[in-house]
Amino acid sequence: MHDASYRSLRETDAVHVWRGDAPDHDDPAVFALLSSDERAAVARRPAPVGTRYAHAHAAVRRILAGYLDADPRELRLGRRPCPRCPNPAHGRPRVVFPRTGLDFNLSRSGAYWLLAVTAERPIGVDLEITRPHADLWLTTSTFMSPAELRHLAGLQDEAARVAAYYRAWTRKEAVVKADGVGVVADLRTVEVGPHLPGPVPVRHIESRGPQWWLVHDLPLGPGTYGALAREPESTGPVLLVDPAAPGFTAIPVPSGTER
């Protein structure tokens, strides 16, 4: 449990972004918090991927239960319908029970995770840990628009190119996760202006939900990139929260932050 409540989240129109790591060791107490579907998902994944999945999803249950003053084991989690198809596998996540307007989104990269939580508004979050740079340039044409590719090609400094790559990727992923399309979206059509400092307005039209999103870059430290997408009408603060810190310790994400 923690000191934040659903009521305070709704009243402040805030987004809380929790961050943490998922250990590689098994923990029966963690496994006991998961639903049967989550346990099956753990079993399908090789070690240490399955173990990290278990720890991250147990953390999600603990954090959401804290807002709702509920038992983490009693939460029922599901998904909203995808805007493009009836497949429930990639719609936006939701709390099925207890009934609530709490909205959340989880992203994992390696042993680390981010969980964004807000009230009565759709959100999306993405986290990426940097990998060897040589692997990056093989994938740029699969998700960058022509304008974004031209910007990347014009950067002479390797560090600037890496930052632009991850800024583009995390911003796009946050948007398509916020509107619920996810993996079926063509990311090349989602222009996120990696040359611009955040927060940036991003247009992405689906059959349901907003046509525009406001995307914040999250200051997560060296070698770690993150982005949060929310409705432009959201006026509350974006706060980074460390679950390992005592109580509810939150750090505001400044507007206009650029790495």
C-alpha atoms as a PDB file:
ATOM      1  CA  MET A   1       0.000   0.000   0.000  1.00  0.00           C
ATOM      2  CA  HIS A   2       1.025   3.628  -0.363  1.00  0.00           C
ATOM      3  CA  ASP A   3      -0.160   7.109   0.544  1.00  0.00           C
ATOM      4  CA  ALA A   4      -1.761   7.969  -2.824  1.00  0.00           C
ATOM      5  CA  SER A   5      -5.495   7.417  -3.340  1.00  0.00           C
ATOM      6  CA  TYR A   6      -7.754   7.268  -6.362  1.00  0.00           C
ATOM      7  CA  ARG A   7      -9.643  10.296  -5.052  1.00  0.00           C
ATOM      8  CA  SER A   8      -6.498  12.445  -4.801  1.00  0.00           C
ATOM      9  CA  LEU A   9      -5.397  11.289  -8.246  1.00  0.00           C
ATOM     10  CA  ARG A  10      -8.740  12.314  -9.748  1.00  0.00           C
ATOM     11  CA  GLU A  11      -8.902  15.642  -7.927  1.00  0.00           C
ATOM     12  CA  THR A  12      -5.406  16.707  -9.055  1.00  0.00           C
ATOM     13  CA  ASP A  13      -5.733  15.323 -12.622  1.00  0.00           C
ATOM     14  CA  ALA A  14      -2.219  13.975 -12.121  1.00  0.00           C
ATOM     15  CA  VAL A  15      -0.353  11.113 -13.768  1.00  0.00           C
ATOM     16  CA  HIS A  16       1.854   9.043 -11.484  1.00  0.00           C
ATOM     17  CA  VAL A  17       4.644   7.153 -13.227  1.00  0.00           C
ATOM     18  CA  TRP A  18       6.058   4.409 -11.023  1.00  0.00           C
ATOM     19  CA  ARG A  19       9.429   2.895 -11.841  1.00  0.00           C
ATOM     20  CA  GLY A  20      11.155  -0.201 -10.579  1.00  0.00           C
ATOM     21  CA  ASP A  21      13.144  -3.311 -11.406  1.00  0.00           C
ATOM     22  CA  ALA A  22      12.113  -6.941 -11.592  1.00  0.00           C
ATOM     23  CA  PRO A  23      14.595  -9.383 -10.006  1.00  0.00           C
ATOM     24  CA  ASP A  24      15.568 -12.644 -11.672  1.00  0.00           C
ATOM     25  CA  HIS A  25      14.904 -14.861  -8.624  1.00  0.00           C
ATOM     26  CA  ASP A  26      11.668 -16.727  -7.937  1.00  0.00           C
ATOM     27  CA  ASP A  27       9.527 -15.552  -5.025  1.00  0.00           C
ATOM     28  CA  PRO A  28       6.492 -17.604  -3.920  1.00  0.00           C
ATOM     29  CA  ALA A  29       4.918 -14.491  -2.354  1.00  0.00           C
ATOM     30  CA  VAL A  30       5.075 -12.734  -5.720  1.00  0.00           C
ATOM     31  CA  PHE A  31       3.619 -15.709  -7.575  1.00  0.00           C
ATOM     32  CA  ALA A  32       0.748 -15.905  -5.065  1.00  0.00           C
ATOM     33  CA  LEU A  33      -0.443 -12.420  -6.050  1.00  0.00           C
ATOM     34  CA  LEU A  34      -0.925 -13.300  -9.717  1.00  0.00           C
ATOM     35  CA  SER A  35      -4.066 -14.449 -11.477  1.00  0.00           C
ATOM     36  CA  SER A  36      -4.244 -17.820 -13.226  1.00  0.00           C
ATOM     37  CA  ASP A  37      -3.775 -16.073 -16.592  1.00  0.00           C
ATOM     38  CA  GLU A  38      -0.697 -14.249 -15.314  1.00  0.00           C
ATOM     39  CA  ARG A  39       0.764 -17.476 -13.943  1.00  0.00           C
ATOM     40  CA  ALA A  40       0.211 -19.130 -17.301  1.00  0.00           C
ATOM     41  CA  ALA A  41       2.002 -16.206 -18.973  1.00  0.00           C
ATOM     42  CA  VAL A  42       4.937 -16.706 -16.600  1.00  0.00           C
ATOM     43  CA  ALA A  43       5.072 -20.423 -17.453  1.00  0.00           C
ATOM     44  CA  ARG A  44       5.179 -19.704 -21.194  1.00  0.00           C
ATOM     45  CA  ARG A  45       8.268 -17.514 -20.831  1.00  0.00           C
ATOM     46  CA  PRO A  46      11.830 -18.794 -20.374  1.00  0.00           C
ATOM     47  CA  ALA A  47      13.914 -17.744 -17.383  1.00  0.00           C
ATOM     48  CA  PRO A  48      14.650 -15.017 -16.485  1.00  0.00           C
ATOM     49  CA  VAL A  49      11.944 -13.403 -18.657  1.00  0.00           C
ATOM     50  CA  GLY A  50       9.107 -15.202 -16.887  1.00  0.00           C
ATOM     51  CA  THR A  51      10.428 -14.331 -13.446  1.00  0.00           C
ATOM     52  CA  ARG A  52      10.748 -10.663 -14.363  1.00  0.00           C
ATOM     53  CA  TYR A  53       7.214 -10.727 -15.763  1.00  0.00           C
ATOM     54  CA  ALA A  54       5.950 -12.118 -12.440  1.00  0.00           C
ATOM     55  CA  HIS A  55       7.697  -9.457 -10.362  1.00  0.00           C
ATOM     56  CA  ALA A  56       6.537  -6.601 -12.605  1.00  0.00           C
ATOM     57  CA  HIS A  57       2.905  -7.740 -12.658  1.00  0.00           C
ATOM     58  CA  ALA A  58       2.889  -8.325  -8.908  1.00  0.00           C
ATOM     59  CA  ALA A  59       4.164  -4.760  -8.486  1.00  0.00           C
ATOM     60  CA  VAL A  60       1.325  -3.516 -10.720  1.00  0.00           C
ATOM     61  CA  ARG A  61      -1.201  -5.293  -8.507  1.00  0.00           C
ATOM     62  CA  ARG A  62       0.281  -3.869  -5.309  1.00  0.00           C
ATOM     63  CA  ILE A  63       0.366  -0.321  -6.663  1.00  0.00           C
ATOM     64  CA  LEU A  64      -3.151  -0.356  -8.133  1.00  0.00           C
ATOM     65  CA  ALA A  65      -4.503  -1.934  -4.940  1.00  0.00           C
ATOM     66  CA  GLY A  66      -2.970   0.935  -2.984  1.00  0.00           C
ATOM     67  CA  TYR A  67      -5.022   3.495  -4.923  1.00  0.00           C
ATOM     68  CA  LEU A  68      -8.194   1.442  -4.514  1.00  0.00           C
ATOM     69  CA  ASP A  69      -7.654   0.324  -0.900  1.00  0.00           C
ATOM     70  CA  ALA A  70      -8.092  -3.267  -2.064  1.00  0.00           C
ATOM     71  CA  ASP A  71      -6.368  -6.626  -1.755  1.00  0.00           C
ATOM     72  CA  PRO A  72      -3.907  -7.057  -4.688  1.00  0.00           C
ATOM     73  CA  ARG A  73      -5.019 -10.674  -5.100  1.00  0.00           C
ATOM     74  CA  GLU A  74      -8.663  -9.674  -5.560  1.00  0.00           C
ATOM     75  CA  LEU A  75      -8.074  -7.275  -8.450  1.00  0.00           C
ATOM     76  CA  ARG A  76      -9.357  -8.521 -11.789  1.00  0.00           C
ATOM     77  CA  LEU A  77      -7.479  -7.030 -14.708  1.00  0.00           C
ATOM     78  CA  GLY A  78      -8.491  -7.183 -18.359  1.00  0.00           C
ATOM     79  CA  ARG A  79      -8.421  -5.176 -21.566  1.00  0.00           C
ATOM     80  CA  ARG A  80     -10.681  -2.798 -23.430  1.00  0.00           C
ATOM     81  CA  PRO A  81     -11.538  -3.627 -27.063  1.00  0.00           C
ATOM     82  CA  CYS A  82      -8.964  -2.654 -29.679  1.00  0.00           C
ATOM     83  CA  PRO A  83     -10.221   0.277 -31.807  1.00  0.00           C
ATOM     84  CA  ARG A  84      -9.512  -1.705 -34.993  1.00  0.00           C
ATOM     85  CA  CYS A  85     -10.465  -5.292 -34.229  1.00  0.00           C
ATOM     86  CA  PRO A  86     -12.168  -7.532 -31.647  1.00  0.00           C
ATOM     87  CA  ASN A  87      -8.870  -9.069 -30.522  1.00  0.00           C
ATOM     88  CA  PRO A  88      -8.640  -8.571 -26.729  1.00  0.00           C
ATOM     89  CA  ALA A  89      -4.907  -9.278 -26.664  1.00  0.00           C
ATOM     90  CA  HIS A  90      -3.759  -5.743 -27.398  1.00  0.00           C
ATOM     91  CA  GLY A  91      -6.495  -3.374 -26.253  1.00  0.00           C
ATOM     92  CA  ARG A  92      -5.812  -0.905 -23.455  1.00  0.00           C
ATOM     93  CA  PRO A  93      -5.563  -2.534 -20.009  1.00  0.00           C
ATOM     94  CA  ARG A  94      -8.242  -1.903 -17.414  1.00  0.00           C
ATOM     95  CA  VAL A  95      -9.306  -2.813 -13.905  1.00  0.00           C
ATOM     96  CA  VAL A  96     -12.386  -5.044 -14.245  1.00  0.00           C
ATOM     97  CA  PHE A  97     -12.953  -5.389 -10.486  1.00  0.00           C
ATOM     98  CA  PRO A  98     -13.468  -3.396  -8.384  1.00  0.00           C
ATOM     99  CA  ARG A  99     -15.304  -0.948 -10.650  1.00  0.00           C
ATOM    100  CA  THR A 100     -13.206   2.181 -10.966  1.00  0.00           C
ATOM    101  CA  GLY A 101     -12.169   4.983 -13.288  1.00  0.00           C
ATOM    102  CA  LEU A 102      -8.509   4.230 -12.602  1.00  0.00           C
ATOM    103  CA  ASP A 103      -6.490   3.958 -15.821  1.00  0.00           C
ATOM    104  CA  PHE A 104      -3.024   2.435 -16.090  1.00  0.00           C
ATOM    105  CA  ASN A 105      -0.389   1.336 -18.560  1.00  0.00           C
ATOM    106  CA  LEU A 106       2.692  -0.839 -18.068  1.00  0.00           C
ATOM    107  CA  SER A 107       5.941  -0.992 -20.040  1.00  0.00           C
ATOM    108  CA  ARG A 108       8.863  -3.335 -19.451  1.00  0.00           C
ATOM    109  CA  SER A 109      12.395  -3.382 -20.852  1.00  0.00           C
ATOM    110  CA  GLY A 110      14.821  -6.008 -19.639  1.00  0.00           C
ATOM    111  CA  ALA A 111      14.751  -6.067 -15.861  1.00  0.00           C
ATOM    112  CA  TYR A 112      13.036  -2.668 -15.545  1.00  0.00           C
ATOM    113  CA  TRP A 113       9.438  -1.457 -15.700  1.00  0.00           C
ATOM    114  CA  LEU A 114       7.328   1.703 -15.746  1.00  0.00           C
ATOM    115  CA  LEU A 115       3.706   1.911 -14.639  1.00  0.00           C
ATOM    116  CA  ALA A 116       1.653   5.022 -15.434  1.00  0.00           C
ATOM    117  CA  VAL A 117      -1.514   5.566 -13.395  1.00  0.00           C
ATOM    118  CA  THR A 118      -4.205   8.240 -13.688  1.00  0.00           C
ATOM    119  CA  ALA A 119      -7.945   8.725 -13.170  1.00  0.00           C
ATOM    120  CA  GLU A 120     -10.634   8.719 -15.867  1.00  0.00           C
ATOM    121  CA  ARG A 121      -8.289   9.486 -18.765  1.00  0.00           C
ATOM    122  CA  PRO A 122      -6.476   7.205 -21.241  1.00  0.00           C
ATOM    123  CA  ILE A 123      -2.690   7.065 -20.980  1.00  0.00           C
ATOM    124  CA  GLY A 124       0.205   5.174 -22.549  1.00  0.00           C
ATOM    125  CA  VAL A 125       3.789   4.738 -21.413  1.00  0.00           C
ATOM    126  CA  ASP A 126       6.892   3.226 -22.990  1.00  0.00           C
ATOM    127  CA  LEU A 127      10.307   2.328 -21.575  1.00  0.00           C
ATOM    128  CA  GLU A 128      13.450   1.381 -23.466  1.00  0.00           C
ATOM    129  CA  ILE A 129      16.907   0.458 -22.182  1.00  0.00           C
ATOM    130  CA  THR A 130      19.611   1.216 -24.755  1.00  0.00           C
ATOM    131  CA  ARG A 131      21.138  -1.668 -26.672  1.00  0.00           C
ATOM    132  CA  PRO A 132      24.250  -1.860 -28.928  1.00  0.00           C
ATOM    133  CA  HIS A 133      24.057   1.027 -31.394  1.00  0.00           C
ATOM    134  CA  ALA A 134      24.928  -1.090 -34.440  1.00  0.00           C
ATOM    135  CA  ASP A 135      21.583  -2.867 -34.084  1.00  0.00           C
ATOM    136  CA  LEU A 136      19.579   0.356 -34.136  1.00  0.00           C
ATOM    137  CA  TRP A 137      20.149   1.519 -37.680  1.00  0.00           C
ATOM    138  CA  LEU A 138      18.778  -1.718 -39.138  1.00  0.00           C
ATOM    139  CA  THR A 139      15.280  -0.873 -37.884  1.00  0.00           C
ATOM    140  CA  THR A 140      14.850   2.866 -38.491  1.00  0.00           C
ATOM    141  CA  SER A 141      12.973   2.483 -41.791  1.00  0.00           C
ATOM    142  CA  THR A 142      10.427   0.169 -40.158  1.00  0.00           C
ATOM    143  CA  PHE A 143       9.045   2.793 -37.774  1.00  0.00           C
ATOM    144  CA  MET A 144      10.307   6.267 -38.774  1.00  0.00           C
ATOM    145  CA  SER A 145       8.562   8.584 -41.229  1.00  0.00           C
ATOM    146  CA  PRO A 146      10.520  10.084 -44.169  1.00  0.00           C
ATOM    147  CA  ALA A 147      10.869  13.395 -42.300  1.00  0.00           C
ATOM    148  CA  GLU A 148      12.151  11.627 -39.194  1.00  0.00           C
ATOM    149  CA  LEU A 149      14.639   9.615 -41.270  1.00  0.00           C
ATOM    150  CA  ARG A 150      15.948  12.832 -42.825  1.00  0.00           C
ATOM    151  CA  HIS A 151      16.417  14.337 -39.376  1.00  0.00           C
ATOM    152  CA  LEU A 152      18.306  11.253 -38.189  1.00  0.00           C
ATOM    153  CA  ALA A 153      20.524  11.221 -41.286  1.00  0.00           C
ATOM    154  CA  GLY A 154      21.441  14.870 -40.707  1.00  0.00           C
ATOM    155  CA  LEU A 155      22.836  14.254 -37.231  1.00  0.00           C
ATOM    156  CA  GLN A 156      26.619  13.887 -37.212  1.00  0.00           C
ATOM    157  CA  ASP A 157      27.048  13.128 -33.522  1.00  0.00           C
ATOM    158  CA  GLU A 158      26.471   9.486 -32.612  1.00  0.00           C
ATOM    159  CA  ALA A 159      25.045  10.305 -29.176  1.00  0.00           C
ATOM    160  CA  ALA A 160      22.546  12.701 -30.748  1.00  0.00           C
ATOM    161  CA  ARG A 161      21.474  10.037 -33.245  1.00  0.00           C
ATOM    162  CA  VAL A 162      20.948   7.470 -30.472  1.00  0.00           C
ATOM    163  CA  ALA A 163      18.898   9.952 -28.445  1.00  0.00           C
ATOM    164  CA  ALA A 164      16.761  10.838 -31.483  1.00  0.00           C
ATOM    165  CA  TYR A 165      16.178   7.145 -32.229  1.00  0.00           C
ATOM    166  CA  TYR A 166      14.938   6.325 -28.740  1.00  0.00           C
ATOM    167  CA  ARG A 167      13.007   9.572 -28.409  1.00  0.00           C
ATOM    168  CA  ALA A 168      11.109   8.709 -31.610  1.00  0.00           C
ATOM    169  CA  TRP A 169      10.527   5.087 -30.649  1.00  0.00           C
ATOM    170  CA  THR A 170       9.303   5.690 -27.095  1.00  0.00           C
ATOM    171  CA  ARG A 171       7.044   8.572 -28.123  1.00  0.00           C
ATOM    172  CA  LYS A 172       5.397   6.503 -30.858  1.00  0.00           C
ATOM    173  CA  GLU A 173       4.935   3.475 -28.630  1.00  0.00           C
ATOM    174  CA  ALA A 174       3.403   5.596 -25.868  1.00  0.00           C
ATOM    175  CA  VAL A 175       0.840   7.006 -28.325  1.00  0.00           C
ATOM    176  CA  VAL A 176      -0.283   3.693 -29.818  1.00  0.00           C
ATOM    177  CA  LYS A 177      -0.501   2.169 -26.354  1.00  0.00           C
ATOM    178  CA  ALA A 178      -2.617   5.092 -25.147  1.00  0.00           C
ATOM    179  CA  ASP A 179      -5.171   4.672 -27.929  1.00  0.00           C
ATOM    180  CA  GLY A 180      -5.152   0.878 -27.600  1.00  0.00           C
ATOM    181  CA  VAL A 181      -3.964  -0.046 -31.096  1.00  0.00           C
ATOM    182  CA  GLY A 182      -0.538  -1.211 -30.001  1.00  0.00           C
ATOM    183  CA  VAL A 183       1.355  -3.643 -32.208  1.00  0.00           C
ATOM    184  CA  VAL A 184      -0.999  -3.419 -35.201  1.00  0.00           C
ATOM    185  CA  ALA A 185      -0.221   0.279 -35.777  1.00  0.00           C
ATOM    186  CA  ASP A 186       2.086   1.450 -38.567  1.00  0.00           C
ATOM    187  CA  LEU A 187       4.481   3.598 -36.557  1.00  0.00           C
ATOM    188  CA  ARG A 188       5.729   5.329 -39.694  1.00  0.00           C
ATOM    189  CA  THR A 189       2.441   7.231 -39.819  1.00  0.00           C
ATOM    190  CA  VAL A 190       2.822   8.560 -36.262  1.00  0.00           C
ATOM    191  CA  GLU A 191       4.905  11.758 -36.552  1.00  0.00           C
ATOM    192  CA  VAL A 192       6.486  12.580 -33.190  1.00  0.00           C
ATOM    193  CA  GLY A 193       9.093  15.219 -34.080  1.00  0.00           C
ATOM    194  CA  PRO A 194      12.204  13.720 -32.432  1.00  0.00           C
ATOM    195  CA  HIS A 195      14.008  17.015 -33.147  1.00  0.00           C
ATOM    196  CA  LEU A 196      11.565  18.843 -30.854  1.00  0.00           C
ATOM    197  CA  PRO A 197      11.831  19.038 -27.069  1.00  0.00           C
ATOM    198  CA  GLY A 198       8.959  17.509 -25.152  1.00  0.00           C
ATOM    199  CA  PRO A 199       6.168  17.673 -24.408  1.00  0.00           C
ATOM    200  CA  VAL A 200       5.021  17.468 -28.027  1.00  0.00           C
ATOM    201  CA  PRO A 201       1.502  17.241 -29.540  1.00  0.00           C
ATOM    202  CA  VAL A 202       1.126  14.117 -31.692  1.00  0.00           C
ATOM    203  CA  ARG A 203      -1.782  13.372 -34.023  1.00  0.00           C
ATOM    204  CA  HIS A 204      -3.019   9.804 -34.359  1.00  0.00           C
ATOM    205  CA  ILE A 205      -6.592   9.220 -35.493  1.00  0.00           C
ATOM    206  CA  GLU A 206      -8.470   6.063 -34.538  1.00  0.00           C
ATOM    207  CA  SER A 207     -12.168   5.203 -34.542  1.00  0.00           C
ATOM    208  CA  ARG A 208     -12.383   5.843 -30.812  1.00  0.00           C
ATOM    209  CA  GLY A 209     -10.505   8.186 -28.502  1.00  0.00           C
ATOM    210  CA  PRO A 210      -8.639  11.460 -28.972  1.00  0.00           C
ATOM    211  CA  GLN A 211      -7.149  12.529 -32.308  1.00  0.00           C
ATOM    212  CA  TRP A 212      -4.279  14.312 -30.550  1.00  0.00           C
ATOM    213  CA  TRP A 213      -2.012  13.277 -27.706  1.00  0.00           C
ATOM    214  CA  LEU A 214       0.443  15.225 -25.587  1.00  0.00           C
ATOM    215  CA  VAL A 215       3.677  13.258 -25.230  1.00  0.00           C
ATOM    216  CA  HIS A 216       6.138  13.865 -22.393  1.00  0.00           C
ATOM    217  CA  ASP A 217       9.723  12.637 -22.340  1.00  0.00           C
ATOM    218  CA  LEU A 218      10.523  11.073 -18.965  1.00  0.00           C
ATOM    219  CA  PRO A 219      13.906  11.896 -17.378  1.00  0.00           C
ATOM    220  CA  LEU A 220      14.983   8.408 -16.310  1.00  0.00           C
ATOM    221  CA  GLY A 221      18.772   8.718 -16.330  1.00  0.00           C
ATOM    222  CA  PRO A 222      21.635   7.615 -18.617  1.00  0.00           C
ATOM    223  CA  GLY A 223      20.903   4.755 -20.993  1.00  0.00           C
ATOM    224  CA  THR A 224      17.172   4.756 -20.198  1.00  0.00           C
ATOM    225  CA  TYR A 225      14.426   6.368 -22.285  1.00  0.00           C
ATOM    226  CA  GLY A 226      10.753   6.742 -21.551  1.00  0.00           C
ATOM    227  CA  ALA A 227       7.700   8.604 -22.828  1.00  0.00           C
ATOM    228  CA  LEU A 228       4.184   9.209 -21.571  1.00  0.00           C
ATOM    229  CA  ALA A 229       1.180   9.991 -23.802  1.00  0.00           C
ATOM    230  CA  ARG A 230      -1.954  11.593 -22.373  1.00  0.00           C
ATOM    231  CA  GLU A 231      -4.864  13.740 -23.496  1.00  0.00           C
ATOM    232  CA  PRO A 232      -3.903  17.345 -24.306  1.00  0.00           C
ATOM    233  CA  GLU A 233      -6.680  18.534 -21.985  1.00  0.00           C
ATOM    234  CA  SER A 234      -4.918  16.977 -18.999  1.00  0.00           C
ATOM    235  CA  THR A 235      -3.578  19.803 -16.853  1.00  0.00           C
ATOM    236  CA  GLY A 236      -2.323  17.998 -13.764  1.00  0.00           C
ATOM    237  CA  PRO A 237       1.318  17.234 -12.989  1.00  0.00           C
ATOM    238  CA  VAL A 238       3.291  14.221 -14.185  1.00  0.00           C
ATOM    239  CA  LEU A 239       5.085  12.740 -11.186  1.00  0.00           C
ATOM    240  CA  LEU A 240       7.813  10.072 -11.121  1.00  0.00           C
ATOM    241  CA  VAL A 241       7.435   7.700  -8.177  1.00  0.00           C
ATOM    242  CA  ASP A 242       9.961   5.239  -6.764  1.00  0.00           C
ATOM    243  CA  PRO A 243       8.167   2.351  -5.014  1.00  0.00           C
ATOM    244  CA  ALA A 244      11.357   1.560  -3.065  1.00  0.00           C
ATOM    245  CA  ALA A 245      11.275   4.987  -1.402  1.00  0.00           C
ATOM    246  CA  PRO A 246       9.420   5.412   1.902  1.00  0.00           C
ATOM    247  CA  GLY A 247       5.817   6.604   1.702  1.00  0.00           C
ATOM    248  CA  PHE A 248       4.794   8.329  -1.501  1.00  0.00           C
ATOM    249  CA  THR A 249       7.931  10.089  -2.774  1.00  0.00           C
ATOM    250  CA  ALA A 250       7.204  11.813  -6.115  1.00  0.00           C
ATOM    251  CA  ILE A 251       9.377  13.976  -8.380  1.00  0.00           C
ATOM    252  CA  PRO A 252       7.665  16.343 -10.866  1.00  0.00           C
ATOM    253  CA  VAL A 253       8.532  15.906 -14.547  1.00  0.00           C
ATOM    254  CA  PRO A 254       9.349  19.438 -15.759  1.00  0.00           C
ATOM    255  CA  SER A 255       7.594  20.721 -18.866  1.00  0.00           C
ATOM    256  CA  GLY A 256       9.995  21.179 -21.740  1.00  0.00           C
ATOM    257  CA  THR A 257      12.512  18.649 -20.413  1.00  0.00           C
ATOM    258  CA  GLU A 258      14.922  17.528 -23.135  1.00  0.00           C
ATOM    259  CA  ARG A 259      17.658  14.979 -22.658  1.00  0.00           C
END
